[in-house]
Amino acid sequence: MRRFPGAWAAMVITMCGCRSPAPVEKPPTPVKVVRVEARTEQSSARYSANIEPETRVDAAFRVGGYVTDIAQVRGHILQEGDTV
């Protein structure tokens, strides 16, 4: 200890500054509060949309006529070879 008194003093001062800081309390997160009430409500929804094909094909028919039936179910994904 007598050989380097300045070094010992510097080391003690440095070690005193190595304390971890006091924990800081975070303020509570603000939230929106709503009072729950019982009520009846109709559960229906309407959506509008535009449907566009991934690819477009011009189709021509040899015979005129009207579409009388669609052989697919709504939401069904078509596979190659399916009857439309």
Protein backbone atom coordinates (compact mmCIF):
# COMPACT_ATOMS: atom_id res chain seq x y z
CA MET A 1 0.00 0.00 0.00
CA ARG A 2 2.90 2.36 0.64
CA ARG A 3 4.31 1.95 -2.85
CA PHE A 4 1.40 3.52 -4.80
CA PRO A 5 -0.76 5.63 -2.47
CA GLY A 6 -2.02 7.79 -5.36
CA ALA A 7 -3.06 4.74 -7.35
CA TRP A 8 -4.93 3.33 -4.35
CA ALA A 9 -6.73 6.62 -3.81
CA ALA A 10 -7.70 6.83 -7.51
CA MET A 11 -8.96 3.24 -7.44
CA VAL A 12 -11.11 3.88 -4.34
CA ILE A 13 -12.60 7.05 -5.88
CA THR A 14 -13.30 5.21 -9.14
CA MET A 15 -14.96 2.32 -7.34
CA CYS A 16 -17.22 4.73 -5.43
CA GLY A 17 -18.55 6.02 -8.75
CA CYS A 18 -19.43 2.50 -9.97
CA ARG A 19 -22.62 2.21 -7.99
CA SER A 20 -25.69 1.39 -10.04
CA PRO A 21 -28.17 4.25 -10.28
CA ALA A 22 -31.33 4.20 -8.21
CA PRO A 23 -34.19 2.48 -10.06
CA VAL A 24 -36.52 4.95 -11.73
CA GLU A 25 -40.23 4.21 -11.41
CA LYS A 26 -42.07 4.40 -14.70
CA PRO A 27 -45.37 6.27 -14.61
CA PRO A 28 -48.41 4.04 -15.11
CA THR A 29 -49.53 3.55 -18.70
CA PRO A 30 -52.65 5.59 -19.46
CA VAL A 31 -55.68 3.52 -20.48
CA LYS A 32 -59.18 4.30 -21.71
CA VAL A 33 -61.93 3.02 -19.41
CA VAL A 34 -65.45 2.33 -20.65
CA ARG A 35 -68.44 1.28 -18.55
CA VAL A 36 -70.01 -1.98 -19.75
CA GLU A 37 -73.73 -1.81 -20.37
CA ALA A 38 -76.16 -4.56 -21.39
CA ARG A 39 -78.05 -3.83 -24.60
CA THR A 40 -79.41 -5.63 -27.62
CA GLU A 41 -77.90 -4.98 -30.99
CA GLN A 42 -78.50 -6.46 -34.39
CA SER A 43 -75.51 -8.36 -35.62
CA SER A 44 -75.34 -7.66 -39.31
CA ALA A 45 -72.63 -6.19 -41.45
CA ARG A 46 -72.49 -5.03 -45.04
CA TYR A 47 -69.36 -4.71 -47.07
CA SER A 48 -68.82 -3.47 -50.58
CA ALA A 49 -66.00 -4.67 -52.79
CA ASN A 50 -64.71 -4.66 -56.32
CA ILE A 51 -63.58 -8.01 -57.64
CA GLU A 52 -60.89 -7.99 -60.27
CA PRO A 53 -59.37 -11.06 -61.93
CA GLU A 54 -55.69 -11.86 -61.72
CA THR A 55 -55.65 -12.35 -65.49
CA ARG A 56 -58.18 -11.26 -68.07
CA VAL A 57 -59.29 -13.42 -71.02
CA ASP A 58 -61.54 -12.34 -73.87
CA ALA A 59 -64.04 -15.16 -74.43
CA ALA A 60 -66.08 -15.60 -77.59
CA PHE A 61 -68.91 -18.05 -78.06
CA ARG A 62 -70.28 -19.60 -81.23
CA VAL A 63 -73.82 -19.75 -79.91
CA GLY A 64 -75.72 -16.92 -78.20
CA GLY A 65 -77.55 -17.55 -74.94
CA TYR A 66 -77.87 -16.83 -71.22
CA VAL A 67 -76.17 -18.22 -68.13
CA THR A 68 -78.80 -20.25 -66.29
CA ASP A 69 -76.70 -21.94 -63.58
CA ILE A 70 -73.37 -21.51 -61.82
CA ALA A 71 -71.87 -24.82 -60.69
CA GLN A 72 -69.57 -23.40 -57.99
CA VAL A 73 -70.17 -22.54 -54.34
CA ARG A 74 -69.26 -19.09 -53.04
CA GLY A 75 -65.85 -19.12 -51.38
CA HIS A 76 -64.71 -22.32 -53.14
CA ILE A 77 -61.26 -22.05 -54.72
CA LEU A 78 -61.25 -23.24 -58.31
CA GLN A 79 -58.75 -25.80 -59.49
CA GLU A 80 -57.65 -26.49 -63.05
CA GLY A 81 -60.31 -28.54 -64.82
CA ASP A 82 -63.23 -27.50 -62.54
CA THR A 83 -66.57 -26.84 -64.26
CA VAL A 84 -67.61 -23.22 -63.98
